[in-house]
Amino acid sequence: MKWTSATLNLSHVRKTFQSASSVGKTFFILSSATLAIFVLIGLGGVLQNRFMTTSPVSSMKSLAASVTNQFFIDMLGMEVPHLNKEQKKFTFSQHNVFHFAFQFMTDINPNDPRSLVASEVPGMDATKSTVLVRGSETNSSDPIDYTPITQDLEAEAINGHTAPTPQPSASASPSPVANPLGQPPKSAGDNVAFIYQTHSNESFLPELKGVTNPDKAYSDKVNIISVGQRLAQNLEKDGIGAVHSQTVYPSTVKNFDYPYSYKYSLKTLQEASVAHPDLQYFFDIHRDSAVRNKTTTTIDGKDYAQVYFIIGGKNPNWKKNEEFASKIHQVLEAKHPGISKGIHAKEATEGNNGLYNQNFSENSILIEVGGPYNTLEECYRTTDWLAEAISEVILNAKKVDAPITTPKQS
């Protein structure tokens, strides 16, 4: 009986060992597969940087930015079942996998029937972008470009504007903003920052009486120029010499054609640089076209318009522009998390241009402030913080570029 008992115990030990060995093999296979995936991703990034397109839209960086923390948690949850407490939110649930596969193959979102006809109906195509740097906002979304349905929109809004913007004559050129504090600029040269608005008549529904259609939130009287003016004034308060263009292209350009907006604003950039040779930083201010809950955040009981930083994928030197935008984004994230919705790249097929005149300077970026449902006051609150971040970046750059002085020896 003793011998039999010993045999049974040995058999039990052998089975336990075999079971542990099986688990070890499974763990080794999974670990090896995971390592292989990361090696392939890394190799793909290296090959792309050396041999493939420089466009940010196909960047491996955008893939990393688009993957959420929940994705990795759910990957672990596939091996540790108790990690998935809410099966409905599980990334790899049957429901989510089906939706992903269906949308991948058809480019139609089963949760949004509008996507079925989005590519055929003007105003419904929510243009997608590639995320280069994701913000900490809780209402993530892609920036949306809309083209006005008609060019004769002022008739609907002319009686409802609440914050008129001074309008220059057709021949007027950009001029410096008066320094409200009377202090000399801390920045190198008299004026280093240039603010302009390519889509100068983009407006806000709360400021336009009788206008409820977001596709018609355009006005020659009250528009995004007011936000650009606010930015310039705040930069001046911080000692950053600023020049602001108040040109409203639809009312000043003869035979204005909306698709050529960036050609008109390029001429503005060129003229401003000739008139003010010290200009180094260029900011094209827009507003987005998304719904209010995608362009607004609440901080300490106050509503703020959120901002997107847009990088043109057609620009061969887009990485330099992205580096500049990233510095501003990082300051906003550190001081006011949730205000910035990150840095997004767009090709011509994903927006209405794809270059955005950003080949003019590596310090040129497009910033979208709020959307058609935001108020100017909400945009101003955000612009004050945006100016603070831009000032910090510019002044830090000046410190880095400052010549090193050798102390005099007695």
Protein backbone atom coordinates (compact mmCIF):
# COMPACT_ATOMS: atom_id res chain seq x y z
CA MET A 1 0.00 0.00 0.00
CA LYS A 2 2.89 2.33 0.74
CA TRP A 3 4.36 1.66 -2.68
CA THR A 4 1.00 2.30 -4.33
CA SER A 5 0.56 5.55 -2.43
CA ALA A 6 4.00 6.70 -3.47
CA THR A 7 3.22 5.85 -7.07
CA LEU A 8 0.01 7.87 -6.96
CA ASN A 9 1.81 10.84 -5.43
CA LEU A 10 4.48 10.64 -8.11
CA SER A 11 1.82 10.50 -10.78
CA HIS A 12 0.16 13.58 -9.29
CA VAL A 13 3.48 15.43 -9.27
CA ARG A 14 4.07 14.47 -12.90
CA LYS A 15 0.65 15.78 -13.94
CA THR A 16 1.23 19.02 -12.05
CA PHE A 17 4.59 19.42 -13.75
CA GLN A 18 3.09 18.76 -17.17
CA SER A 19 0.32 21.29 -16.50
CA ALA A 20 2.83 23.91 -15.41
CA SER A 21 4.91 23.12 -18.46
CA SER A 22 1.87 23.65 -20.70
CA VAL A 23 1.15 27.02 -19.09
CA GLY A 24 4.80 27.96 -19.47
CA LYS A 25 4.75 27.06 -23.15
CA THR A 26 1.59 29.11 -23.67
CA PHE A 27 3.11 32.06 -21.85
CA PHE A 28 6.30 31.73 -23.90
CA ILE A 29 4.35 31.64 -27.17
CA LEU A 30 2.26 34.68 -26.22
CA SER A 31 5.33 36.58 -25.05
CA SER A 32 7.18 35.74 -28.26
CA ALA A 33 4.23 36.80 -30.39
CA THR A 34 3.94 40.10 -28.52
CA LEU A 35 7.66 40.73 -28.91
CA ALA A 36 7.43 39.94 -32.61
CA ILE A 37 4.58 42.45 -33.04
CA PHE A 38 6.56 45.23 -31.37
CA VAL A 39 9.68 44.35 -33.42
CA LEU A 40 7.66 44.49 -36.65
CA ILE A 41 6.12 47.82 -35.65
CA GLY A 42 9.54 49.23 -34.86
CA LEU A 43 10.99 47.87 -38.09
CA GLY A 44 8.05 49.33 -40.01
CA GLY A 45 8.72 52.75 -38.47
CA VAL A 46 12.40 52.60 -39.42
CA LEU A 47 11.64 51.54 -42.98
CA GLN A 48 9.01 54.23 -43.31
CA ASN A 49 11.37 56.97 -42.15
CA ARG A 50 14.06 55.84 -44.60
CA PHE A 51 12.26 54.73 -47.70
CA MET A 52 8.62 55.76 -47.60
CA THR A 53 6.60 58.95 -47.72
CA THR A 54 7.26 61.73 -45.23
CA SER A 55 3.56 62.39 -44.83
CA PRO A 56 2.38 62.35 -41.21
CA VAL A 57 -0.88 60.72 -42.24
CA SER A 58 0.84 57.34 -42.59
CA SER A 59 3.16 57.90 -39.64
CA MET A 60 3.73 55.09 -37.12
CA LYS A 61 3.57 57.83 -34.51
CA SER A 62 -0.08 58.40 -35.36
CA LEU A 63 -0.80 54.70 -34.73
CA ALA A 64 0.75 54.88 -31.27
CA ALA A 65 -1.15 58.08 -30.46
CA SER A 66 -4.44 56.52 -31.52
CA VAL A 67 -4.15 53.45 -29.28
CA THR A 68 -5.70 54.09 -25.90
CA ASN A 69 -4.68 52.75 -22.50
CA GLN A 70 -7.93 50.74 -22.43
CA PHE A 71 -6.76 48.86 -25.53
CA PHE A 72 -3.71 47.51 -23.71
CA ILE A 73 -5.74 46.76 -20.57
CA ASP A 74 -8.17 44.74 -22.68
CA MET A 75 -5.27 42.88 -24.29
CA LEU A 76 -4.16 41.81 -20.81
CA GLY A 77 -7.79 41.04 -20.00
CA MET A 78 -7.81 38.36 -22.68
CA GLU A 79 -5.42 36.39 -20.45
CA VAL A 80 -6.69 37.69 -17.11
CA PRO A 81 -10.52 37.45 -17.41
CA HIS A 82 -11.27 39.20 -14.13
CA LEU A 83 -9.62 42.32 -15.53
CA ASN A 84 -12.67 42.88 -17.75
CA LYS A 85 -15.44 43.89 -15.40
CA GLU A 86 -17.58 45.60 -18.05
CA GLN A 87 -17.96 43.28 -21.01
CA LYS A 88 -19.90 45.84 -23.01
CA LYS A 89 -16.86 48.13 -23.04
CA PHE A 90 -14.41 45.30 -23.76
CA THR A 91 -12.40 46.26 -26.84
CA PHE A 92 -12.37 42.74 -28.27
CA SER A 93 -16.01 41.88 -27.63
CA GLN A 94 -17.94 40.27 -30.48
CA HIS A 95 -19.93 43.48 -30.91
CA ASN A 96 -16.86 45.73 -31.16
CA VAL A 97 -14.93 43.38 -33.44
CA PHE A 98 -17.90 43.16 -35.83
CA HIS A 99 -18.27 46.95 -35.90
CA PHE A 100 -14.57 47.42 -36.53
CA ALA A 101 -14.49 44.87 -39.36
CA PHE A 102 -17.64 46.29 -40.98
CA GLN A 103 -16.38 49.89 -40.84
CA PHE A 104 -12.91 48.86 -42.02
CA MET A 105 -14.28 47.14 -45.11
CA THR A 106 -17.07 49.58 -46.00
CA ASP A 107 -15.97 52.88 -44.38
CA ILE A 108 -19.51 53.03 -42.95
CA ASN A 109 -20.07 53.42 -39.22
CA PRO A 110 -22.96 51.13 -38.14
CA ASN A 111 -23.67 53.50 -35.24
CA ASP A 112 -23.97 56.49 -37.58
CA PRO A 113 -26.31 55.96 -40.56
CA ARG A 114 -25.26 59.36 -41.93
CA SER A 115 -21.90 57.86 -42.84
CA LEU A 116 -23.71 55.82 -45.52
CA VAL A 117 -24.28 58.97 -47.57
CA ALA A 118 -21.64 61.22 -46.03
CA SER A 119 -19.36 61.09 -49.05
CA GLU A 120 -22.21 62.02 -51.39
CA VAL A 121 -24.00 64.79 -49.49
CA PRO A 122 -22.23 68.16 -49.02
CA GLY A 123 -21.85 69.16 -45.40
CA MET A 124 -22.16 65.62 -44.01
CA ASP A 125 -18.63 64.41 -44.64
CA ALA A 126 -16.87 64.55 -41.26
CA THR A 127 -13.33 64.62 -42.63
CA LYS A 128 -10.97 62.38 -40.78
CA SER A 129 -7.49 63.26 -39.60
CA THR A 130 -4.45 61.42 -38.33
CA VAL A 131 -3.72 61.96 -34.65
CA LEU A 132 -0.07 62.85 -34.10
CA VAL A 133 -0.39 63.88 -30.46
CA ARG A 134 -3.51 63.16 -28.43
CA GLY A 135 -4.77 65.55 -25.78
CA SER A 136 -6.21 64.57 -22.41
CA GLU A 137 -9.72 65.66 -23.35
CA THR A 138 -12.60 63.34 -22.58
CA ASN A 139 -14.61 64.22 -25.73
CA SER A 140 -12.15 63.09 -28.39
CA SER A 141 -13.14 63.78 -32.00
CA ASP A 142 -11.69 64.63 -35.39
CA PRO A 143 -11.62 68.24 -36.59
CA ILE A 144 -14.27 68.82 -39.26
CA ASP A 145 -14.03 71.03 -42.33
CA TYR A 146 -17.15 72.46 -43.90
CA THR A 147 -17.51 74.62 -46.97
CA PRO A 148 -20.25 77.28 -46.82
CA ILE A 149 -23.35 76.22 -48.73
CA THR A 150 -23.61 79.66 -50.30
CA GLN A 151 -21.32 82.65 -50.46
CA ASP A 152 -24.14 85.15 -49.92
CA LEU A 153 -24.51 84.44 -46.22
CA GLU A 154 -24.28 87.92 -44.82
CA ALA A 155 -27.94 88.67 -45.49
CA GLU A 156 -28.92 86.14 -42.85
CA ALA A 157 -26.58 87.48 -40.19
CA ILE A 158 -26.17 91.18 -40.85
CA ASN A 159 -28.91 92.13 -38.38
CA GLY A 160 -27.67 89.89 -35.61
CA HIS A 161 -24.00 90.57 -35.07
CA THR A 162 -23.06 91.43 -31.51
CA ALA A 163 -19.31 92.04 -31.64
CA PRO A 164 -18.39 93.98 -34.81
CA THR A 165 -14.80 93.76 -35.95
CA PRO A 166 -13.10 96.78 -37.56
CA GLN A 167 -12.87 96.15 -41.29
CA PRO A 168 -9.93 97.34 -43.40
CA SER A 169 -10.20 98.61 -46.92
CA ALA A 170 -9.36 96.27 -49.77
CA SER A 171 -5.85 97.71 -49.98
CA ALA A 172 -5.14 97.69 -46.27
CA SER A 173 -2.10 95.74 -45.07
CA PRO A 174 -1.55 94.01 -41.73
CA SER A 175 -0.49 96.33 -38.96
CA PRO A 176 1.07 95.86 -35.53
CA VAL A 177 -1.17 95.68 -32.50
CA ALA A 178 -0.72 98.59 -30.13
CA ASN A 179 1.07 97.43 -26.98
CA PRO A 180 -1.53 97.96 -24.20
CA LEU A 181 1.14 98.17 -21.51
CA GLY A 182 3.50 100.42 -23.40
CA GLN A 183 6.43 98.10 -22.65
CA PRO A 184 9.15 97.22 -25.16
CA PRO A 185 8.76 93.77 -26.73
CA LYS A 186 10.67 91.01 -24.98
CA SER A 187 10.89 89.14 -28.25
CA ALA A 188 13.70 89.63 -30.74
CA GLY A 189 12.89 92.43 -33.17
CA ASP A 190 9.90 94.71 -33.12
CA ASN A 191 7.33 92.11 -34.19
CA VAL A 192 7.82 88.34 -34.34
CA ALA A 193 4.27 86.91 -34.31
CA PHE A 194 1.80 87.17 -37.18
CA ILE A 195 -1.87 86.25 -36.73
CA TYR A 196 -4.27 85.91 -39.64
CA GLN A 197 -7.49 84.08 -40.52
CA THR A 198 -7.69 82.26 -43.86
CA HIS A 199 -11.41 81.50 -43.41
CA SER A 200 -11.97 84.98 -42.09
CA ASN A 201 -15.76 84.93 -42.04
CA GLU A 202 -16.16 81.78 -39.94
CA SER A 203 -18.58 82.77 -37.21
CA PHE A 204 -20.52 81.48 -34.19
CA LEU A 205 -24.26 80.78 -34.03
CA PRO A 206 -24.82 82.34 -30.55
CA GLU A 207 -23.54 85.63 -32.00
CA LEU A 208 -25.82 85.52 -35.07
CA LYS A 209 -29.50 86.23 -34.50
CA GLY A 210 -31.87 84.16 -36.58
CA VAL A 211 -29.19 81.77 -37.86
CA THR A 212 -29.47 78.17 -36.64
CA ASN A 213 -27.80 76.19 -39.43
CA PRO A 214 -24.12 75.55 -38.57
CA ASP A 215 -23.32 75.35 -42.27
CA LYS A 216 -24.36 79.00 -42.48
CA ALA A 217 -22.42 80.25 -39.46
CA TYR A 218 -20.46 82.76 -41.52
CA SER A 219 -20.40 86.53 -41.28
CA ASP A 220 -18.36 89.44 -42.60
CA LYS A 221 -19.16 91.44 -39.46
CA VAL A 222 -18.66 89.12 -36.49
CA ASN A 223 -16.29 86.23 -36.99
CA ILE A 224 -13.06 84.44 -36.11
CA ILE A 225 -11.11 87.67 -36.64
CA SER A 226 -12.20 88.76 -33.18
CA VAL A 227 -10.47 85.69 -31.74
CA GLY A 228 -7.30 86.43 -33.71
CA GLN A 229 -7.39 90.01 -32.44
CA ARG A 230 -7.71 88.75 -28.87
CA LEU A 231 -4.68 86.50 -29.37
CA ALA A 232 -2.58 89.37 -30.75
CA GLN A 233 -3.53 91.66 -27.88
CA ASN A 234 -2.64 89.03 -25.29
CA LEU A 235 0.73 88.36 -26.91
CA GLU A 236 1.45 92.07 -26.73
CA LYS A 237 0.58 92.07 -23.04
CA ASP A 238 3.23 89.37 -22.59
CA GLY A 239 5.77 91.45 -24.47
CA ILE A 240 5.56 89.52 -27.75
CA GLY A 241 5.49 91.92 -30.69
CA ALA A 242 2.47 90.92 -32.79
CA VAL A 243 1.00 91.80 -36.18
CA HIS A 244 -2.65 90.98 -36.89
CA SER A 245 -4.42 90.83 -40.23
CA GLN A 246 -8.08 91.87 -40.17
CA THR A 247 -8.70 91.15 -43.85
CA VAL A 248 -12.10 89.62 -44.63
CA TYR A 249 -11.38 87.86 -47.90
CA PRO A 250 -14.95 87.29 -49.14
CA SER A 251 -15.65 91.04 -49.02
CA THR A 252 -12.23 92.32 -50.18
CA VAL A 253 -11.12 89.85 -52.86
CA LYS A 254 -12.65 90.43 -56.27
CA ASN A 255 -14.47 87.34 -57.57
CA PHE A 256 -13.77 85.56 -54.30
CA ASP A 257 -13.81 81.76 -54.60
CA TYR A 258 -13.79 79.79 -51.33
CA PRO A 259 -11.61 76.87 -52.51
CA TYR A 260 -8.80 79.37 -53.20
CA SER A 261 -8.81 80.77 -49.66
CA TYR A 262 -5.28 79.64 -48.88
CA LYS A 263 -3.95 81.31 -52.02
CA TYR A 264 -5.44 84.59 -50.82
CA SER A 265 -3.97 84.21 -47.33
CA LEU A 266 -0.57 83.24 -48.78
CA LYS A 267 -0.43 86.65 -50.41
CA THR A 268 -1.21 88.15 -46.98
CA LEU A 269 1.70 86.19 -45.47
CA GLN A 270 4.07 87.38 -48.18
CA GLU A 271 3.05 91.01 -47.82
CA ALA A 272 3.30 90.88 -44.03
CA SER A 273 6.81 89.42 -44.19
CA VAL A 274 7.95 92.17 -46.51
CA ALA A 275 6.44 94.88 -44.30
CA HIS A 276 7.73 93.28 -41.07
CA PRO A 277 11.01 91.39 -41.72
CA ASP A 278 11.30 90.31 -38.07
CA LEU A 279 8.27 88.00 -38.25
CA GLN A 280 9.16 84.44 -37.23
CA TYR A 281 5.93 82.81 -36.02
CA PHE A 282 2.72 82.50 -38.03
CA PHE A 283 -0.70 81.52 -36.66
CA ASP A 284 -3.71 80.85 -38.87
CA ILE A 285 -6.78 80.98 -36.59
CA HIS A 286 -9.93 79.05 -37.51
CA ARG A 287 -12.93 77.53 -35.80
CA ASP A 288 -14.00 73.91 -36.16
CA SER A 289 -17.38 72.73 -37.49
CA ALA A 290 -18.25 70.03 -34.93
CA VAL A 291 -21.18 70.00 -32.51
CA ARG A 292 -20.91 71.80 -29.18
CA ASN A 293 -20.14 68.79 -26.99
CA LYS A 294 -17.13 68.06 -29.21
CA THR A 295 -15.68 71.57 -29.03
CA THR A 296 -16.38 72.56 -25.42
CA THR A 297 -15.04 71.65 -21.99
CA THR A 298 -16.02 72.89 -18.54
CA ILE A 299 -13.30 73.91 -16.07
CA ASP A 300 -14.10 75.29 -12.61
CA GLY A 301 -17.71 75.88 -13.63
CA LYS A 302 -16.89 77.84 -16.80
CA ASP A 303 -17.21 76.68 -20.41
CA TYR A 304 -14.15 76.92 -22.63
CA ALA A 305 -13.79 76.38 -26.35
CA GLN A 306 -11.28 73.65 -27.14
CA VAL A 307 -8.46 73.91 -29.65
CA TYR A 308 -7.05 71.67 -32.38
CA PHE A 309 -3.58 72.03 -33.85
CA ILE A 310 -3.66 71.10 -37.55
CA ILE A 311 -0.59 70.02 -39.53
CA GLY A 312 -0.60 69.89 -43.34
CA GLY A 313 0.40 66.45 -44.61
CA LYS A 314 1.35 67.83 -48.04
CA ASN A 315 4.10 69.94 -46.48
CA PRO A 316 7.40 68.02 -46.95
CA ASN A 317 8.82 69.64 -43.79
CA TRP A 318 5.75 68.94 -41.65
CA LYS A 319 7.82 67.51 -38.78
CA LYS A 320 9.27 70.93 -37.97
CA ASN A 321 5.79 72.45 -37.85
CA GLU A 322 4.61 69.59 -35.66
CA GLU A 323 7.51 70.15 -33.25
CA PHE A 324 6.48 73.79 -32.88
CA ALA A 325 2.82 72.91 -32.35
CA SER A 326 3.81 70.21 -29.86
CA LYS A 327 5.63 72.72 -27.66
CA ILE A 328 2.48 74.86 -27.39
CA HIS A 329 0.27 71.80 -26.87
CA GLN A 330 2.49 70.55 -24.05
CA VAL A 331 2.30 73.87 -22.20
CA LEU A 332 -1.51 73.86 -22.48
CA GLU A 333 -1.68 70.23 -21.31
CA ALA A 334 0.50 70.96 -18.30
CA LYS A 335 -1.40 74.06 -17.19
CA HIS A 336 -4.92 73.47 -18.50
CA PRO A 337 -5.50 69.78 -19.35
CA GLY A 338 -8.47 69.18 -21.60
CA ILE A 339 -8.25 72.49 -23.49
CA SER A 340 -6.14 71.07 -26.32
CA LYS A 341 -7.59 68.25 -28.40
CA GLY A 342 -4.14 67.41 -29.67
CA ILE A 343 -2.25 67.68 -32.94
CA HIS A 344 -3.89 66.31 -36.08
CA ALA A 345 -2.48 65.86 -39.57
CA LYS A 346 -4.54 66.20 -42.74
CA GLU A 347 -3.94 65.49 -46.40
CA ALA A 348 -5.82 67.28 -49.17
CA THR A 349 -8.26 64.37 -49.34
CA GLU A 350 -9.01 64.71 -45.63
CA GLY A 351 -9.46 68.46 -45.41
CA ASN A 352 -9.90 71.33 -47.81
CA ASN A 353 -6.21 71.96 -48.51
CA GLY A 354 -3.60 69.69 -46.97
CA LEU A 355 -0.79 72.26 -47.05
CA TYR A 356 -2.25 75.24 -45.17
CA ASN A 357 0.67 77.49 -46.24
CA GLN A 358 2.82 75.76 -43.63
CA ASN A 359 5.69 75.42 -46.09
CA PHE A 360 6.04 79.19 -45.68
CA SER A 361 7.73 78.71 -42.30
CA GLU A 362 8.55 75.82 -39.96
CA ASN A 363 6.97 77.95 -37.22
CA SER A 364 3.64 78.15 -39.03
CA ILE A 365 0.61 76.32 -37.63
CA LEU A 366 -3.16 76.28 -37.99
CA ILE A 367 -5.17 76.47 -34.76
CA GLU A 368 -8.91 75.83 -34.55
CA VAL A 369 -10.61 77.52 -31.60
CA GLY A 370 -14.10 76.27 -30.74
CA GLY A 371 -16.90 75.53 -33.17
CA PRO A 372 -20.08 77.10 -34.54
CA TYR A 373 -21.98 76.51 -31.26
CA ASN A 374 -19.45 78.25 -29.02
CA THR A 375 -19.74 81.87 -27.94
CA LEU A 376 -17.04 84.45 -28.46
CA GLU A 377 -16.67 84.69 -24.69
CA GLU A 378 -15.86 80.97 -24.49
CA CYS A 379 -13.33 81.39 -27.30
CA TYR A 380 -11.78 84.42 -25.57
CA ARG A 381 -11.27 82.47 -22.34
CA THR A 382 -9.41 79.80 -24.25
CA THR A 383 -7.46 82.31 -26.32
CA ASP A 384 -6.12 83.93 -23.15
CA TRP A 385 -4.62 80.59 -22.13
CA LEU A 386 -3.46 79.88 -25.68
CA ALA A 387 -1.61 83.21 -25.79
CA GLU A 388 0.00 82.39 -22.46
CA ALA A 389 1.32 79.11 -23.87
CA ILE A 390 2.54 80.68 -27.12
CA SER A 391 4.32 83.45 -25.20
CA GLU A 392 6.10 80.90 -23.04
CA VAL A 393 7.27 78.93 -26.07
CA ILE A 394 8.50 82.03 -27.93
CA LEU A 395 10.30 83.48 -24.92
CA ASN A 396 11.93 80.12 -24.15
CA ALA A 397 13.12 79.92 -27.76
CA LYS A 398 14.58 83.41 -27.43
CA LYS A 399 16.55 82.32 -24.34
CA VAL A 400 17.97 79.34 -26.22
CA ASP A 401 18.95 81.48 -29.21
CA ALA A 402 20.40 84.30 -27.09
CA PRO A 403 24.16 84.79 -27.60
CA ILE A 404 26.40 83.66 -24.74
CA THR A 405 28.16 86.61 -23.16
CA THR A 406 31.58 86.23 -21.59
CA PRO A 407 31.98 88.15 -18.31
CA LYS A 408 34.62 90.86 -18.39
CA GLN A 409 37.81 90.03 -16.55
CA SER A 410 39.27 92.62 -14.25
